[in-house]
N, C-alpha and C. Protein backbone atom coordinates (compact mmCIF):
# COMPACT_ATOMS: atom_id res chain seq x y z
N MET A 1 79.97 -20.63 -78.74
CA MET A 1 79.52 -21.54 -77.72
C MET A 1 80.53 -22.66 -77.52
N LEU A 2 81.25 -23.01 -78.55
CA LEU A 2 82.22 -24.08 -78.41
C LEU A 2 83.42 -23.66 -77.58
N ALA A 3 83.55 -22.38 -77.28
CA ALA A 3 84.64 -21.93 -76.42
C ALA A 3 84.51 -22.53 -75.02
N ILE A 4 83.30 -22.92 -74.65
CA ILE A 4 83.05 -23.48 -73.33
C ILE A 4 83.50 -24.93 -73.26
N PHE A 5 83.31 -25.68 -74.35
CA PHE A 5 83.63 -27.10 -74.37
C PHE A 5 85.01 -27.29 -74.99
N ALA A 6 86.04 -27.22 -74.18
CA ALA A 6 87.40 -27.27 -74.71
C ALA A 6 88.06 -28.62 -74.47
N SER A 7 87.29 -29.68 -74.34
CA SER A 7 87.84 -30.99 -74.04
C SER A 7 88.81 -31.47 -75.11
N GLU A 8 88.40 -31.42 -76.32
CA GLU A 8 89.21 -31.94 -77.42
C GLU A 8 89.73 -30.84 -78.32
N GLY A 9 89.54 -29.61 -77.97
CA GLY A 9 90.01 -28.52 -78.80
C GLY A 9 89.29 -28.50 -80.14
N PRO A 10 87.98 -28.20 -80.15
CA PRO A 10 87.24 -28.23 -81.40
C PRO A 10 87.76 -27.17 -82.37
N PRO A 11 87.55 -27.40 -83.66
CA PRO A 11 88.00 -26.40 -84.63
C PRO A 11 87.22 -25.10 -84.46
N GLN A 12 87.89 -24.00 -84.73
CA GLN A 12 87.24 -22.69 -84.63
C GLN A 12 86.15 -22.58 -85.69
N PRO A 13 84.97 -22.07 -85.32
CA PRO A 13 83.95 -21.86 -86.33
C PRO A 13 84.38 -20.76 -87.29
N ALA A 14 83.95 -20.89 -88.51
CA ALA A 14 84.31 -19.90 -89.52
C ALA A 14 83.46 -18.65 -89.34
N GLY A 15 83.99 -17.54 -89.79
CA GLY A 15 83.21 -16.31 -89.77
C GLY A 15 83.37 -15.53 -88.49
N LEU A 16 82.34 -14.77 -88.18
CA LEU A 16 82.37 -13.83 -87.07
C LEU A 16 82.47 -14.53 -85.71
N LEU A 17 81.80 -15.67 -85.54
CA LEU A 17 81.84 -16.36 -84.25
C LEU A 17 83.18 -17.01 -83.96
N GLY A 18 84.04 -17.11 -84.92
CA GLY A 18 85.38 -17.65 -84.70
C GLY A 18 86.35 -16.62 -84.17
N ASN A 19 85.95 -15.37 -84.14
CA ASN A 19 86.79 -14.28 -83.68
C ASN A 19 86.81 -14.25 -82.15
N ASP A 20 87.99 -14.22 -81.56
CA ASP A 20 88.11 -14.21 -80.10
C ASP A 20 87.53 -12.95 -79.47
N LEU A 21 87.67 -11.83 -80.16
CA LEU A 21 87.12 -10.58 -79.65
C LEU A 21 85.59 -10.63 -79.58
N VAL A 22 84.96 -11.24 -80.56
CA VAL A 22 83.50 -11.38 -80.56
C VAL A 22 83.06 -12.28 -79.41
N THR A 23 83.80 -13.37 -79.19
CA THR A 23 83.49 -14.26 -78.06
C THR A 23 83.60 -13.51 -76.74
N PHE A 24 84.64 -12.71 -76.59
CA PHE A 24 84.83 -11.92 -75.38
C PHE A 24 83.69 -10.92 -75.19
N LEU A 25 83.27 -10.27 -76.26
CA LEU A 25 82.16 -9.31 -76.17
C LEU A 25 80.84 -9.99 -75.83
N ILE A 26 80.64 -11.19 -76.32
CA ILE A 26 79.44 -11.95 -75.98
C ILE A 26 79.44 -12.28 -74.48
N VAL A 27 80.59 -12.65 -73.94
CA VAL A 27 80.69 -12.94 -72.51
C VAL A 27 80.42 -11.68 -71.69
N LEU A 28 80.97 -10.54 -72.10
CA LEU A 28 80.70 -9.28 -71.40
C LEU A 28 79.22 -8.92 -71.45
N ALA A 29 78.57 -9.14 -72.59
CA ALA A 29 77.14 -8.86 -72.71
C ALA A 29 76.33 -9.76 -71.78
N ALA A 30 76.73 -11.04 -71.68
CA ALA A 30 76.03 -11.97 -70.80
C ALA A 30 76.18 -11.55 -69.34
N VAL A 31 77.35 -11.09 -68.95
CA VAL A 31 77.58 -10.61 -67.58
C VAL A 31 76.71 -9.39 -67.31
N PHE A 32 76.63 -8.48 -68.26
CA PHE A 32 75.80 -7.28 -68.11
C PHE A 32 74.33 -7.65 -67.93
N VAL A 33 73.83 -8.60 -68.75
CA VAL A 33 72.43 -9.04 -68.64
C VAL A 33 72.20 -9.67 -67.27
N PHE A 34 73.15 -10.47 -66.79
CA PHE A 34 73.00 -11.11 -65.49
C PHE A 34 72.95 -10.08 -64.37
N ILE A 35 73.79 -9.07 -64.43
CA ILE A 35 73.78 -8.02 -63.40
C ILE A 35 72.46 -7.26 -63.43
N LYS A 36 71.95 -6.97 -64.61
CA LYS A 36 70.65 -6.29 -64.72
C LYS A 36 69.54 -7.17 -64.15
N PHE A 37 69.60 -8.48 -64.43
CA PHE A 37 68.60 -9.42 -63.90
C PHE A 37 68.63 -9.43 -62.38
N CYS A 38 69.82 -9.45 -61.80
CA CYS A 38 69.94 -9.45 -60.34
C CYS A 38 69.39 -8.16 -59.74
N GLY A 39 69.62 -7.04 -60.42
CA GLY A 39 69.05 -5.78 -59.94
C GLY A 39 67.54 -5.79 -59.97
N TRP A 40 66.97 -6.40 -61.00
CA TRP A 40 65.51 -6.52 -61.09
C TRP A 40 64.99 -7.46 -60.01
N ALA A 41 65.72 -8.55 -59.74
CA ALA A 41 65.27 -9.54 -58.76
C ALA A 41 65.26 -8.97 -57.34
N LYS A 42 66.07 -7.95 -57.08
CA LYS A 42 66.10 -7.35 -55.74
C LYS A 42 64.76 -6.74 -55.36
N LYS A 43 63.97 -6.39 -56.35
CA LYS A 43 62.68 -5.76 -56.09
C LYS A 43 61.59 -6.77 -55.76
N ALA A 44 61.84 -8.05 -55.97
CA ALA A 44 60.84 -9.10 -55.73
C ALA A 44 60.90 -9.56 -54.27
N GLN A 45 59.84 -10.24 -53.85
CA GLN A 45 59.78 -10.80 -52.50
C GLN A 45 59.38 -12.27 -52.59
N LEU A 46 60.08 -13.10 -51.84
CA LEU A 46 59.78 -14.53 -51.76
C LEU A 46 59.70 -14.93 -50.29
N SER A 47 58.92 -15.96 -50.02
CA SER A 47 58.83 -16.45 -48.65
C SER A 47 60.12 -17.19 -48.29
N ALA A 48 60.41 -17.23 -47.00
CA ALA A 48 61.63 -17.89 -46.52
C ALA A 48 61.60 -19.39 -46.84
N GLY A 49 60.43 -20.01 -46.75
CA GLY A 49 60.33 -21.44 -47.04
C GLY A 49 60.63 -21.74 -48.50
N PHE A 50 60.12 -20.90 -49.40
CA PHE A 50 60.35 -21.10 -50.82
C PHE A 50 61.84 -20.91 -51.16
N LYS A 51 62.46 -19.91 -50.55
CA LYS A 51 63.88 -19.68 -50.77
C LYS A 51 64.69 -20.87 -50.28
N LYS A 52 64.30 -21.44 -49.14
CA LYS A 52 65.00 -22.60 -48.59
C LYS A 52 64.91 -23.79 -49.54
N VAL A 53 63.74 -23.99 -50.15
CA VAL A 53 63.57 -25.08 -51.11
C VAL A 53 64.48 -24.87 -52.32
N ILE A 54 64.56 -23.64 -52.81
CA ILE A 54 65.44 -23.33 -53.95
C ILE A 54 66.89 -23.60 -53.59
N PHE A 55 67.31 -23.24 -52.40
CA PHE A 55 68.69 -23.47 -51.97
C PHE A 55 69.01 -24.96 -51.86
N ILE A 56 68.06 -25.75 -51.34
CA ILE A 56 68.26 -27.20 -51.25
C ILE A 56 68.32 -27.81 -52.65
N LEU A 57 67.43 -27.39 -53.54
CA LEU A 57 67.46 -27.91 -54.90
C LEU A 57 68.73 -27.50 -55.64
N THR A 58 69.31 -26.38 -55.27
CA THR A 58 70.58 -25.96 -55.87
C THR A 58 71.69 -26.93 -55.48
N GLY A 59 71.68 -27.39 -54.24
CA GLY A 59 72.67 -28.38 -53.81
C GLY A 59 72.51 -29.69 -54.55
N VAL A 60 71.28 -30.12 -54.75
CA VAL A 60 71.02 -31.34 -55.53
C VAL A 60 71.41 -31.11 -56.99
N GLY A 61 71.08 -29.92 -57.49
CA GLY A 61 71.40 -29.59 -58.88
C GLY A 61 72.89 -29.57 -59.14
N LEU A 62 73.68 -29.23 -58.15
CA LEU A 62 75.13 -29.23 -58.29
C LEU A 62 75.61 -30.61 -58.74
N ILE A 63 75.09 -31.64 -58.12
CA ILE A 63 75.47 -33.01 -58.48
C ILE A 63 74.90 -33.37 -59.86
N VAL A 64 73.64 -33.07 -60.09
CA VAL A 64 72.99 -33.41 -61.35
C VAL A 64 73.67 -32.73 -62.53
N PHE A 65 73.97 -31.45 -62.41
CA PHE A 65 74.59 -30.73 -63.52
C PHE A 65 76.01 -31.21 -63.77
N ASN A 66 76.73 -31.60 -62.73
CA ASN A 66 78.06 -32.16 -62.93
C ASN A 66 78.00 -33.49 -63.67
N VAL A 67 77.03 -34.32 -63.34
CA VAL A 67 76.86 -35.59 -64.04
C VAL A 67 76.48 -35.34 -65.50
N LEU A 68 75.56 -34.39 -65.74
CA LEU A 68 75.18 -34.06 -67.11
C LEU A 68 76.37 -33.54 -67.91
N TYR A 69 77.18 -32.70 -67.31
CA TYR A 69 78.33 -32.15 -68.00
C TYR A 69 79.36 -33.25 -68.30
N PHE A 70 79.55 -34.19 -67.36
CA PHE A 70 80.44 -35.32 -67.60
C PHE A 70 79.94 -36.16 -68.78
N MET A 71 78.64 -36.42 -68.80
CA MET A 71 78.06 -37.19 -69.90
C MET A 71 78.23 -36.44 -71.23
N GLY A 72 78.07 -35.13 -71.20
CA GLY A 72 78.25 -34.33 -72.41
C GLY A 72 79.68 -34.36 -72.91
N ASN A 73 80.63 -34.25 -71.99
CA ASN A 73 82.05 -34.32 -72.39
C ASN A 73 82.40 -35.69 -72.93
N THR A 74 81.84 -36.75 -72.33
CA THR A 74 82.10 -38.10 -72.82
C THR A 74 81.56 -38.27 -74.24
N ALA A 75 80.35 -37.82 -74.48
CA ALA A 75 79.77 -37.92 -75.83
C ALA A 75 80.58 -37.08 -76.82
N PHE A 76 81.06 -35.93 -76.38
CA PHE A 76 81.85 -35.05 -77.24
C PHE A 76 83.16 -35.73 -77.63
N LYS A 77 83.82 -36.37 -76.66
CA LYS A 77 85.09 -37.04 -76.95
C LYS A 77 84.89 -38.25 -77.85
N GLU A 78 83.84 -39.03 -77.58
CA GLU A 78 83.61 -40.24 -78.36
C GLU A 78 83.26 -39.93 -79.82
N SER A 79 82.65 -38.78 -80.06
CA SER A 79 82.27 -38.42 -81.43
C SER A 79 83.33 -37.55 -82.10
N HIS A 80 84.47 -37.36 -81.43
CA HIS A 80 85.58 -36.56 -81.95
C HIS A 80 85.15 -35.13 -82.26
N GLY A 81 84.39 -34.56 -81.36
CA GLY A 81 84.00 -33.15 -81.49
C GLY A 81 82.79 -32.89 -82.36
N MET A 82 82.06 -33.92 -82.73
CA MET A 82 80.92 -33.72 -83.63
C MET A 82 79.58 -33.68 -82.89
N ASP A 83 79.48 -34.27 -81.71
CA ASP A 83 78.21 -34.34 -80.99
C ASP A 83 78.27 -33.47 -79.74
N ILE A 84 77.63 -32.32 -79.79
CA ILE A 84 77.62 -31.44 -78.61
C ILE A 84 76.22 -31.34 -78.01
N ASN A 85 75.31 -32.23 -78.40
CA ASN A 85 73.93 -32.15 -77.92
C ASN A 85 73.83 -32.29 -76.41
N MET A 86 74.45 -33.31 -75.85
CA MET A 86 74.35 -33.53 -74.40
C MET A 86 75.05 -32.42 -73.63
N ALA A 87 76.18 -31.97 -74.12
CA ALA A 87 76.90 -30.88 -73.45
C ALA A 87 76.08 -29.59 -73.51
N THR A 88 75.39 -29.37 -74.61
CA THR A 88 74.54 -28.18 -74.74
C THR A 88 73.37 -28.26 -73.77
N ILE A 89 72.78 -29.43 -73.63
CA ILE A 89 71.67 -29.61 -72.67
C ILE A 89 72.17 -29.32 -71.26
N ALA A 90 73.35 -29.83 -70.92
CA ALA A 90 73.92 -29.59 -69.58
C ALA A 90 74.16 -28.11 -69.36
N LEU A 91 74.72 -27.46 -70.33
CA LEU A 91 75.03 -26.03 -70.19
C LEU A 91 73.78 -25.19 -70.07
N VAL A 92 72.81 -25.40 -70.94
CA VAL A 92 71.60 -24.58 -70.93
C VAL A 92 70.79 -24.82 -69.65
N SER A 93 70.67 -26.08 -69.23
CA SER A 93 69.91 -26.34 -68.01
C SER A 93 70.61 -25.75 -66.78
N ALA A 94 71.93 -25.80 -66.73
CA ALA A 94 72.66 -25.20 -65.61
C ALA A 94 72.52 -23.68 -65.62
N LEU A 95 72.56 -23.07 -66.80
CA LEU A 95 72.40 -21.61 -66.87
C LEU A 95 70.99 -21.18 -66.45
N ILE A 96 69.99 -21.95 -66.82
CA ILE A 96 68.63 -21.64 -66.39
C ILE A 96 68.55 -21.71 -64.87
N TRP A 97 69.16 -22.75 -64.29
CA TRP A 97 69.12 -22.86 -62.84
C TRP A 97 69.91 -21.74 -62.16
N VAL A 98 70.97 -21.27 -62.78
CA VAL A 98 71.72 -20.13 -62.22
C VAL A 98 70.80 -18.93 -62.09
N PHE A 99 69.97 -18.68 -63.09
CA PHE A 99 69.05 -17.55 -63.02
C PHE A 99 67.97 -17.77 -61.95
N ILE A 100 67.49 -18.99 -61.79
CA ILE A 100 66.51 -19.28 -60.74
C ILE A 100 67.15 -19.07 -59.37
N PHE A 101 68.36 -19.60 -59.18
CA PHE A 101 69.06 -19.45 -57.91
C PHE A 101 69.37 -17.98 -57.63
N ALA A 102 69.82 -17.26 -58.64
CA ALA A 102 70.13 -15.84 -58.45
C ALA A 102 68.88 -15.06 -58.07
N PHE A 103 67.75 -15.39 -58.68
CA PHE A 103 66.51 -14.72 -58.34
C PHE A 103 66.16 -14.96 -56.88
N ALA A 104 66.25 -16.23 -56.45
CA ALA A 104 65.94 -16.55 -55.05
C ALA A 104 66.93 -15.89 -54.09
N LEU A 105 68.18 -15.84 -54.48
CA LEU A 105 69.20 -15.24 -53.62
C LEU A 105 69.03 -13.73 -53.50
N MET A 106 68.69 -13.08 -54.59
CA MET A 106 68.62 -11.63 -54.59
C MET A 106 67.27 -11.09 -54.07
N ALA A 107 66.22 -11.88 -54.18
CA ALA A 107 64.90 -11.41 -53.77
C ALA A 107 64.85 -11.19 -52.25
N GLU A 108 64.10 -10.21 -51.87
CA GLU A 108 63.90 -9.93 -50.44
C GLU A 108 63.05 -11.06 -49.83
N THR A 109 63.28 -11.34 -48.55
CA THR A 109 62.48 -12.33 -47.84
C THR A 109 61.26 -11.64 -47.25
N LYS A 110 60.10 -12.22 -47.53
CA LYS A 110 58.85 -11.64 -47.00
C LYS A 110 58.85 -11.73 -45.48
N SER A 111 58.37 -10.67 -44.86
CA SER A 111 58.18 -10.74 -43.40
C SER A 111 56.81 -11.34 -43.16
N GLU A 112 56.76 -12.30 -42.25
CA GLU A 112 55.53 -13.05 -42.06
C GLU A 112 54.73 -12.59 -40.92
């Protein structure tokens, strides 16, 4: 997970998670899960109004997640790589919103 926060070049974790090949395989697995999720979302139907609200909130979220990520990087730098709590919150919340946005984007629009 620390491969994402490269502001100060944190030390490599010991063991299996410090291996670059394992990190690469984790990223490939995450991409595969996301593609499967998008395929599942294609079978769902959402109203046009609800999709529009999700798209507007995504625009607002763009600003909010950037501010959260900036705050996380600032806390990470000030603690010399020891405090990743805020950066983790920013990352996890943004990833959750990516799945919400992808679901709304991939879902069929209900005919009214």
